[in-house]
Amino acid sequence: MKKLAFVFIIALSLTALNSCREKTTGEKVEDAVESAADDAGDAVEDAADEVEDALD
């Protein structure tokens, strides 16, 4: 029983440590690219709305 509890505590500790790690440079770049793509998509939608409004 003690062995099972010990394994459980170790597993939880490893999970907690893994989730608290800092992002790598690659992950930061990926997040920045996704953010830029979202912003560009929003700008295109806004421009399309303005063109529609101007044509009406």
C-alpha atoms as a PDB file:
ATOM      1  CA  MET A   1       0.000   0.000   0.000  1.00  0.00           C
ATOM      2  CA  LYS A   2       2.825   2.409   0.805  1.00  0.00           C
ATOM      3  CA  LYS A   3       4.464   1.592  -2.508  1.00  0.00           C
ATOM      4  CA  LEU A   4       1.274   2.444  -4.412  1.00  0.00           C
ATOM      5  CA  ALA A   5       0.905   5.732  -2.555  1.00  0.00           C
ATOM      6  CA  PHE A   6       4.556   6.584  -3.255  1.00  0.00           C
ATOM      7  CA  VAL A   7       4.120   5.904  -6.990  1.00  0.00           C
ATOM      8  CA  PHE A   8       0.966   8.028  -7.030  1.00  0.00           C
ATOM      9  CA  ILE A   9       2.717  10.954  -5.330  1.00  0.00           C
ATOM     10  CA  ILE A  10       5.669  10.745  -7.736  1.00  0.00           C
ATOM     11  CA  ALA A  11       3.315  10.692 -10.748  1.00  0.00           C
ATOM     12  CA  LEU A  12       1.465  13.786  -9.525  1.00  0.00           C
ATOM     13  CA  SER A  13       4.731  15.583  -8.838  1.00  0.00           C
ATOM     14  CA  LEU A  14       6.060  14.896 -12.316  1.00  0.00           C
ATOM     15  CA  THR A  15       2.813  16.073 -13.886  1.00  0.00           C
ATOM     16  CA  ALA A  16       2.878  19.290 -11.883  1.00  0.00           C
ATOM     17  CA  LEU A  17       6.500  19.976 -12.761  1.00  0.00           C
ATOM     18  CA  ASN A  18       5.900  19.321 -16.435  1.00  0.00           C
ATOM     19  CA  SER A  19       2.953  21.708 -16.622  1.00  0.00           C
ATOM     20  CA  CYS A  20       4.894  24.525 -14.933  1.00  0.00           C
ATOM     21  CA  ARG A  21       7.818  24.499 -17.325  1.00  0.00           C
ATOM     22  CA  GLU A  22       8.654  27.577 -19.350  1.00  0.00           C
ATOM     23  CA  LYS A  23       7.904  27.723 -23.044  1.00  0.00           C
ATOM     24  CA  THR A  24      10.706  26.967 -25.457  1.00  0.00           C
ATOM     25  CA  THR A  25      11.699  29.431 -28.143  1.00  0.00           C
ATOM     26  CA  GLY A  26       9.896  27.316 -30.724  1.00  0.00           C
ATOM     27  CA  GLU A  27       6.676  27.422 -28.720  1.00  0.00           C
ATOM     28  CA  LYS A  28       6.978  31.181 -28.299  1.00  0.00           C
ATOM     29  CA  VAL A  29       7.492  31.618 -32.054  1.00  0.00           C
ATOM     30  CA  GLU A  30       4.533  29.352 -32.782  1.00  0.00           C
ATOM     31  CA  ASP A  31       2.314  31.405 -30.463  1.00  0.00           C
ATOM     32  CA  ALA A  32       3.484  34.645 -32.087  1.00  0.00           C
ATOM     33  CA  VAL A  33       2.775  33.312 -35.591  1.00  0.00           C
ATOM     34  CA  GLU A  34      -0.695  32.138 -34.573  1.00  0.00           C
ATOM     35  CA  SER A  35      -1.414  35.517 -33.009  1.00  0.00           C
ATOM     36  CA  ALA A  36      -0.230  37.345 -36.123  1.00  0.00           C
ATOM     37  CA  ALA A  37      -2.364  35.107 -38.342  1.00  0.00           C
ATOM     38  CA  ASP A  38      -5.414  35.773 -36.174  1.00  0.00           C
ATOM     39  CA  ASP A  39      -4.765  39.517 -36.304  1.00  0.00           C
ATOM     40  CA  ALA A  40      -4.344  39.421 -40.087  1.00  0.00           C
ATOM     41  CA  GLY A  41      -7.575  37.474 -40.472  1.00  0.00           C
ATOM     42  CA  ASP A  42      -9.412  39.998 -38.319  1.00  0.00           C
ATOM     43  CA  ALA A  43      -8.008  42.869 -40.391  1.00  0.00           C
ATOM     44  CA  VAL A  44      -9.135  41.202 -43.633  1.00  0.00           C
ATOM     45  CA  GLU A  45     -12.634  40.697 -42.230  1.00  0.00           C
ATOM     46  CA  ASP A  46     -12.784  44.313 -41.085  1.00  0.00           C
ATOM     47  CA  ALA A  47     -11.637  45.519 -44.517  1.00  0.00           C
ATOM     48  CA  ALA A  48     -14.235  43.333 -46.243  1.00  0.00           C
ATOM     49  CA  ASP A  49     -16.948  44.768 -43.993  1.00  0.00           C
ATOM     50  CA  GLU A  50     -15.840  48.309 -44.812  1.00  0.00           C
ATOM     51  CA  VAL A  51     -15.902  47.558 -48.563  1.00  0.00           C
ATOM     52  CA  GLU A  52     -19.403  46.096 -48.260  1.00  0.00           C
ATOM     53  CA  ASP A  53     -20.559  49.123 -46.325  1.00  0.00           C
ATOM     54  CA  ALA A  54     -19.036  51.482 -48.907  1.00  0.00           C
ATOM     55  CA  LEU A  55     -20.777  49.636 -51.770  1.00  0.00           C
ATOM     56  CA  ASP A  56     -24.161  49.812 -50.059  1.00  0.00           C
END
